[in-house]
Amino acid sequence: MVVFQEESEESLNQLFRALADGTRRDILERSLTETPSVSELAARYEMSFAAVQKHVAVLQRAGLVQKRPNGREQLISTDRTRLRRASELLDRYESIWRQRMAQLDQVLLEGN
C-alpha cells in the first residue's frame, strides 16, 4: 500500500533515516533556534569534525537543513518547509492509526 504517492520512496527513506539518529535530531533542533556553523556544532559533540559533517550531509540530502558559506565557515539552517512536510506525514500515519483504533472500539462496543 502506497500512502504517500506524491513523494518517492527514496525521498521518504532519506527523510526518516535522517530523523532516526539522535545526533542528527539534535543538530536539527539546534538549527531551529540558531544558525550554527559546522565548526560550532563539532565543538558540542564528542566526535570528530568529519563525523559531524557527515551528519549534516545526511540532513542536507534529506532536505532538512541547508548550508551557506559565511567566510571560511558553513552555516547550517533548517528548511522549515521540509520539516513541516515530515510533520504532515506523521500526522497522516497518526490519522490512519486513530481510524483503526476507532474501528476496534466500535467492534468492542458491539460485542458487549
N, C-alpha and C. Protein backbone atom coordinates (compact mmCIF):
# COMPACT_ATOMS: atom_id res chain seq x y z
N MET A 1 0.84 -1.18 0.00
CA MET A 1 0.00 0.00 0.00
C MET A 1 0.89 1.24 0.00
N VAL A 2 0.72 2.09 -0.99
CA VAL A 2 1.47 3.34 -1.06
C VAL A 2 0.57 4.45 -0.54
N VAL A 3 0.95 5.02 0.58
CA VAL A 3 0.13 6.05 1.21
C VAL A 3 0.52 7.43 0.71
N PHE A 4 1.79 7.65 0.49
CA PHE A 4 2.29 8.98 0.15
C PHE A 4 2.84 8.98 -1.26
N GLN A 5 1.96 8.98 -2.24
CA GLN A 5 2.38 8.85 -3.63
C GLN A 5 3.07 10.09 -4.16
N GLU A 6 2.88 11.24 -3.51
CA GLU A 6 3.45 12.48 -4.02
C GLU A 6 4.97 12.57 -3.80
N GLU A 7 5.53 11.70 -2.97
CA GLU A 7 6.98 11.68 -2.75
C GLU A 7 7.52 10.31 -3.10
N SER A 8 8.72 10.29 -3.63
CA SER A 8 9.32 9.00 -3.95
C SER A 8 9.66 8.25 -2.67
N GLU A 9 9.70 6.95 -2.80
CA GLU A 9 10.05 6.12 -1.65
C GLU A 9 11.45 6.48 -1.14
N GLU A 10 12.38 6.74 -2.05
CA GLU A 10 13.74 7.09 -1.64
C GLU A 10 13.76 8.40 -0.88
N SER A 11 12.95 9.36 -1.32
CA SER A 11 12.88 10.65 -0.62
C SER A 11 12.38 10.46 0.81
N LEU A 12 11.34 9.63 0.98
CA LEU A 12 10.83 9.37 2.32
C LEU A 12 11.85 8.60 3.16
N ASN A 13 12.54 7.65 2.53
CA ASN A 13 13.56 6.91 3.26
C ASN A 13 14.66 7.85 3.75
N GLN A 14 15.10 8.77 2.91
CA GLN A 14 16.14 9.73 3.31
C GLN A 14 15.65 10.60 4.46
N LEU A 15 14.41 11.03 4.39
CA LEU A 15 13.84 11.89 5.43
C LEU A 15 13.83 11.17 6.78
N PHE A 16 13.27 9.98 6.81
CA PHE A 16 13.15 9.28 8.10
C PHE A 16 14.47 8.67 8.55
N ARG A 17 15.35 8.32 7.63
CA ARG A 17 16.69 7.86 8.01
C ARG A 17 17.44 9.00 8.71
N ALA A 18 17.28 10.20 8.18
CA ALA A 18 17.94 11.36 8.79
C ALA A 18 17.41 11.61 10.20
N LEU A 19 16.10 11.44 10.38
CA LEU A 19 15.50 11.72 11.68
C LEU A 19 15.68 10.57 12.67
N ALA A 20 16.15 9.43 12.21
CA ALA A 20 16.29 8.26 13.07
C ALA A 20 17.49 8.33 14.00
N ASP A 21 18.37 9.27 13.81
CA ASP A 21 19.61 9.35 14.59
C ASP A 21 19.52 10.52 15.58
N GLY A 22 19.88 10.26 16.83
CA GLY A 22 19.79 11.27 17.88
C GLY A 22 20.67 12.49 17.64
N THR A 23 21.87 12.28 17.14
CA THR A 23 22.76 13.41 16.87
C THR A 23 22.16 14.30 15.78
N ARG A 24 21.62 13.67 14.76
CA ARG A 24 21.02 14.47 13.67
C ARG A 24 19.79 15.23 14.16
N ARG A 25 18.98 14.59 15.01
CA ARG A 25 17.82 15.31 15.56
C ARG A 25 18.29 16.49 16.41
N ASP A 26 19.37 16.31 17.14
CA ASP A 26 19.90 17.39 17.96
C ASP A 26 20.42 18.53 17.09
N ILE A 27 21.14 18.20 16.03
CA ILE A 27 21.62 19.23 15.10
C ILE A 27 20.44 19.97 14.49
N LEU A 28 19.43 19.23 14.11
CA LEU A 28 18.23 19.84 13.53
C LEU A 28 17.57 20.79 14.53
N GLU A 29 17.45 20.34 15.77
CA GLU A 29 16.84 21.17 16.81
C GLU A 29 17.66 22.44 17.04
N ARG A 30 18.97 22.30 17.08
CA ARG A 30 19.82 23.49 17.27
C ARG A 30 19.68 24.46 16.10
N SER A 31 19.55 23.92 14.90
CA SER A 31 19.44 24.81 13.74
C SER A 31 18.06 25.47 13.63
N LEU A 32 17.13 25.02 14.45
CA LEU A 32 15.83 25.70 14.50
C LEU A 32 15.89 26.99 15.31
N THR A 33 16.78 27.02 16.30
CA THR A 33 16.84 28.17 17.19
C THR A 33 18.05 29.06 16.95
N GLU A 34 19.02 28.57 16.19
CA GLU A 34 20.21 29.35 15.91
C GLU A 34 20.73 28.96 14.53
N THR A 35 21.75 29.60 14.08
CA THR A 35 22.36 29.27 12.78
C THR A 35 23.82 28.90 13.04
N PRO A 36 24.03 27.69 13.55
CA PRO A 36 25.40 27.31 13.91
C PRO A 36 26.25 27.00 12.69
N SER A 37 27.54 27.15 12.85
CA SER A 37 28.46 26.70 11.82
C SER A 37 28.76 25.23 12.10
N VAL A 38 29.29 24.55 11.10
CA VAL A 38 29.67 23.15 11.30
C VAL A 38 30.74 23.07 12.39
N SER A 39 31.65 24.04 12.42
CA SER A 39 32.70 24.05 13.45
C SER A 39 32.10 24.18 14.85
N GLU A 40 31.11 25.07 15.00
CA GLU A 40 30.46 25.23 16.31
C GLU A 40 29.76 23.94 16.72
N LEU A 41 29.10 23.29 15.77
CA LEU A 41 28.45 22.02 16.08
C LEU A 41 29.48 20.98 16.50
N ALA A 42 30.58 20.91 15.78
CA ALA A 42 31.62 19.91 16.07
C ALA A 42 32.18 20.09 17.49
N ALA A 43 32.23 21.33 17.97
CA ALA A 43 32.74 21.59 19.32
C ALA A 43 31.77 21.08 20.39
N ARG A 44 30.52 20.87 20.04
CA ARG A 44 29.50 20.46 21.01
C ARG A 44 29.37 18.95 21.17
N TYR A 45 29.94 18.20 20.26
CA TYR A 45 29.79 16.74 20.29
C TYR A 45 31.14 16.07 20.50
N GLU A 46 31.09 14.91 21.13
CA GLU A 46 32.30 14.13 21.34
C GLU A 46 32.53 13.24 20.12
N MET A 47 32.75 13.87 19.01
CA MET A 47 33.06 13.17 17.77
C MET A 47 33.89 14.10 16.90
N SER A 48 34.45 13.54 15.88
CA SER A 48 35.33 14.34 15.02
C SER A 48 34.52 15.33 14.18
N PHE A 49 35.23 16.33 13.70
CA PHE A 49 34.63 17.32 12.80
C PHE A 49 34.05 16.62 11.58
N ALA A 50 34.79 15.64 11.06
CA ALA A 50 34.34 14.91 9.87
C ALA A 50 33.04 14.15 10.15
N ALA A 51 32.93 13.59 11.35
CA ALA A 51 31.70 12.85 11.70
C ALA A 51 30.50 13.80 11.76
N VAL A 52 30.71 15.00 12.31
CA VAL A 52 29.63 15.99 12.36
C VAL A 52 29.26 16.41 10.94
N GLN A 53 30.27 16.59 10.10
CA GLN A 53 30.00 16.95 8.70
C GLN A 53 29.15 15.88 8.02
N LYS A 54 29.41 14.61 8.33
CA LYS A 54 28.63 13.53 7.72
C LYS A 54 27.18 13.58 8.20
N HIS A 55 26.97 13.87 9.48
CA HIS A 55 25.60 14.00 9.98
C HIS A 55 24.88 15.16 9.27
N VAL A 56 25.57 16.27 9.12
CA VAL A 56 24.98 17.43 8.44
C VAL A 56 24.67 17.08 6.98
N ALA A 57 25.55 16.31 6.35
CA ALA A 57 25.33 15.93 4.95
C ALA A 57 24.08 15.05 4.82
N VAL A 58 23.86 14.15 5.77
CA VAL A 58 22.65 13.31 5.74
C VAL A 58 21.41 14.19 5.87
N LEU A 59 21.45 15.15 6.79
CA LEU A 59 20.32 16.08 6.95
C LEU A 59 20.10 16.91 5.70
N GLN A 60 21.20 17.30 5.08
CA GLN A 60 21.12 18.11 3.86
C GLN A 60 20.52 17.29 2.71
N ARG A 61 20.96 16.05 2.55
CA ARG A 61 20.41 15.20 1.48
C ARG A 61 18.92 14.94 1.68
N ALA A 62 18.50 14.89 2.93
CA ALA A 62 17.07 14.69 3.24
C ALA A 62 16.28 15.99 3.07
N GLY A 63 16.98 17.09 2.82
CA GLY A 63 16.31 18.37 2.62
C GLY A 63 15.91 19.06 3.91
N LEU A 64 16.44 18.60 5.03
CA LEU A 64 16.06 19.17 6.32
C LEU A 64 16.88 20.39 6.71
N VAL A 65 18.12 20.48 6.24
CA VAL A 65 18.96 21.64 6.52
C VAL A 65 19.62 22.12 5.24
N GLN A 66 20.05 23.36 5.31
CA GLN A 66 20.79 23.96 4.21
C GLN A 66 22.09 24.51 4.77
N LYS A 67 23.12 24.51 3.94
CA LYS A 67 24.40 25.11 4.33
C LYS A 67 24.61 26.32 3.44
N ARG A 68 25.13 27.37 4.04
CA ARG A 68 25.52 28.53 3.24
C ARG A 68 26.86 29.03 3.75
N PRO A 69 27.70 29.43 2.82
CA PRO A 69 29.03 29.88 3.23
C PRO A 69 28.97 31.22 3.95
N ASN A 70 29.82 31.35 4.95
CA ASN A 70 29.99 32.61 5.68
C ASN A 70 31.48 32.73 5.97
N GLY A 71 32.20 33.35 5.04
CA GLY A 71 33.66 33.39 5.16
C GLY A 71 34.22 32.00 4.97
N ARG A 72 34.96 31.54 5.96
CA ARG A 72 35.58 30.21 5.87
C ARG A 72 34.70 29.12 6.47
N GLU A 73 33.54 29.52 6.99
CA GLU A 73 32.67 28.55 7.65
C GLU A 73 31.42 28.28 6.81
N GLN A 74 30.76 27.20 7.17
CA GLN A 74 29.47 26.85 6.58
C GLN A 74 28.41 26.95 7.68
N LEU A 75 27.41 27.80 7.47
CA LEU A 75 26.34 27.96 8.46
C LEU A 75 25.19 27.03 8.11
N ILE A 76 24.59 26.46 9.15
CA ILE A 76 23.52 25.49 8.99
C ILE A 76 22.19 26.13 9.38
N SER A 77 21.20 25.98 8.52
CA SER A 77 19.85 26.45 8.87
C SER A 77 18.84 25.39 8.46
N THR A 78 17.73 25.38 9.15
CA THR A 78 16.69 24.38 8.91
C THR A 78 15.82 24.79 7.75
N ASP A 79 15.48 23.80 6.92
CA ASP A 79 14.48 24.02 5.88
C ASP A 79 13.13 23.70 6.52
N ARG A 80 12.47 24.72 7.00
CA ARG A 80 11.22 24.51 7.75
C ARG A 80 10.12 23.88 6.88
N THR A 81 10.15 24.12 5.59
CA THR A 81 9.14 23.51 4.71
C THR A 81 9.27 22.00 4.73
N ARG A 82 10.50 21.51 4.64
CA ARG A 82 10.73 20.05 4.66
C ARG A 82 10.38 19.46 6.02
N LEU A 83 10.70 20.18 7.07
CA LEU A 83 10.38 19.71 8.41
C LEU A 83 8.87 19.66 8.60
N ARG A 84 8.18 20.66 8.07
CA ARG A 84 6.72 20.69 8.14
C ARG A 84 6.14 19.49 7.37
N ARG A 85 6.77 19.15 6.26
CA ARG A 85 6.33 18.01 5.46
C ARG A 85 6.46 16.71 6.26
N ALA A 86 7.56 16.57 6.99
CA ALA A 86 7.74 15.39 7.83
C ALA A 86 6.64 15.33 8.88
N SER A 87 6.30 16.45 9.45
CA SER A 87 5.22 16.50 10.45
C SER A 87 3.88 16.10 9.83
N GLU A 88 3.63 16.57 8.61
CA GLU A 88 2.39 16.20 7.92
C GLU A 88 2.32 14.69 7.66
N LEU A 89 3.43 14.11 7.29
CA LEU A 89 3.46 12.66 7.06
C LEU A 89 3.15 11.90 8.33
N LEU A 90 3.73 12.33 9.45
CA LEU A 90 3.47 11.66 10.72
C LEU A 90 2.02 11.86 11.14
N ASP A 91 1.47 13.04 10.85
CA ASP A 91 0.05 13.28 11.15
C ASP A 91 -0.84 12.32 10.37
N ARG A 92 -0.46 12.06 9.12
CA ARG A 92 -1.25 11.13 8.30
C ARG A 92 -1.16 9.72 8.88
N TYR A 93 0.01 9.31 9.31
CA TYR A 93 0.13 7.98 9.94
C TYR A 93 -0.74 7.92 11.20
N GLU A 94 -0.70 9.00 11.99
CA GLU A 94 -1.49 9.02 13.22
C GLU A 94 -2.99 8.95 12.89
N SER A 95 -3.41 9.64 11.84
CA SER A 95 -4.82 9.61 11.44
C SER A 95 -5.24 8.19 11.07
N ILE A 96 -4.41 7.49 10.32
CA ILE A 96 -4.71 6.10 9.96
C ILE A 96 -4.82 5.24 11.23
N TRP A 97 -3.88 5.44 12.14
CA TRP A 97 -3.88 4.67 13.38
C TRP A 97 -5.14 4.97 14.20
N ARG A 98 -5.53 6.25 14.27
CA ARG A 98 -6.72 6.61 15.04
C ARG A 98 -7.98 6.00 14.42
N GLN A 99 -8.04 5.94 13.09
CA GLN A 99 -9.19 5.31 12.43
C GLN A 99 -9.26 3.83 12.81
N ARG A 100 -8.12 3.18 12.83
CA ARG A 100 -8.09 1.76 13.21
C ARG A 100 -8.52 1.57 14.65
N MET A 101 -8.09 2.45 15.53
CA MET A 101 -8.48 2.34 16.94
C MET A 101 -9.98 2.60 17.11
N ALA A 102 -10.53 3.52 16.34
CA ALA A 102 -11.97 3.79 16.39
C ALA A 102 -12.74 2.57 15.92
N GLN A 103 -12.24 1.90 14.88
CA GLN A 103 -12.89 0.68 14.40
C GLN A 103 -12.84 -0.41 15.48
N LEU A 104 -11.73 -0.52 16.14
CA LEU A 104 -11.59 -1.51 17.22
C LEU A 104 -12.55 -1.20 18.35
N ASP A 105 -12.65 0.08 18.73
CA ASP A 105 -13.61 0.49 19.77
C ASP A 105 -15.02 0.09 19.38
N GLN A 106 -15.37 0.33 18.12
CA GLN A 106 -16.71 0.00 17.64
C GLN A 106 -16.98 -1.50 17.73
N VAL A 107 -16.02 -2.30 17.34
CA VAL A 107 -16.16 -3.75 17.42
C VAL A 107 -16.33 -4.19 18.87
N LEU A 108 -15.56 -3.60 19.76
CA LEU A 108 -15.66 -3.98 21.17
C LEU A 108 -17.00 -3.56 21.76
N LEU A 109 -17.51 -2.37 21.37
CA LEU A 109 -18.81 -1.92 21.87
C LEU A 109 -19.93 -2.83 21.36
N GLU A 110 -19.83 -3.25 20.11
CA GLU A 110 -20.85 -4.13 19.54
C GLU A 110 -20.80 -5.53 20.17
N GLY A 111 -19.66 -5.91 20.67
CA GLY A 111 -19.50 -7.23 21.31
C GLY A 111 -20.12 -7.29 22.68
N ASN A 112 -20.37 -6.13 23.31
CA ASN A 112 -20.94 -6.13 24.68
C ASN A 112 -22.43 -6.13 24.69
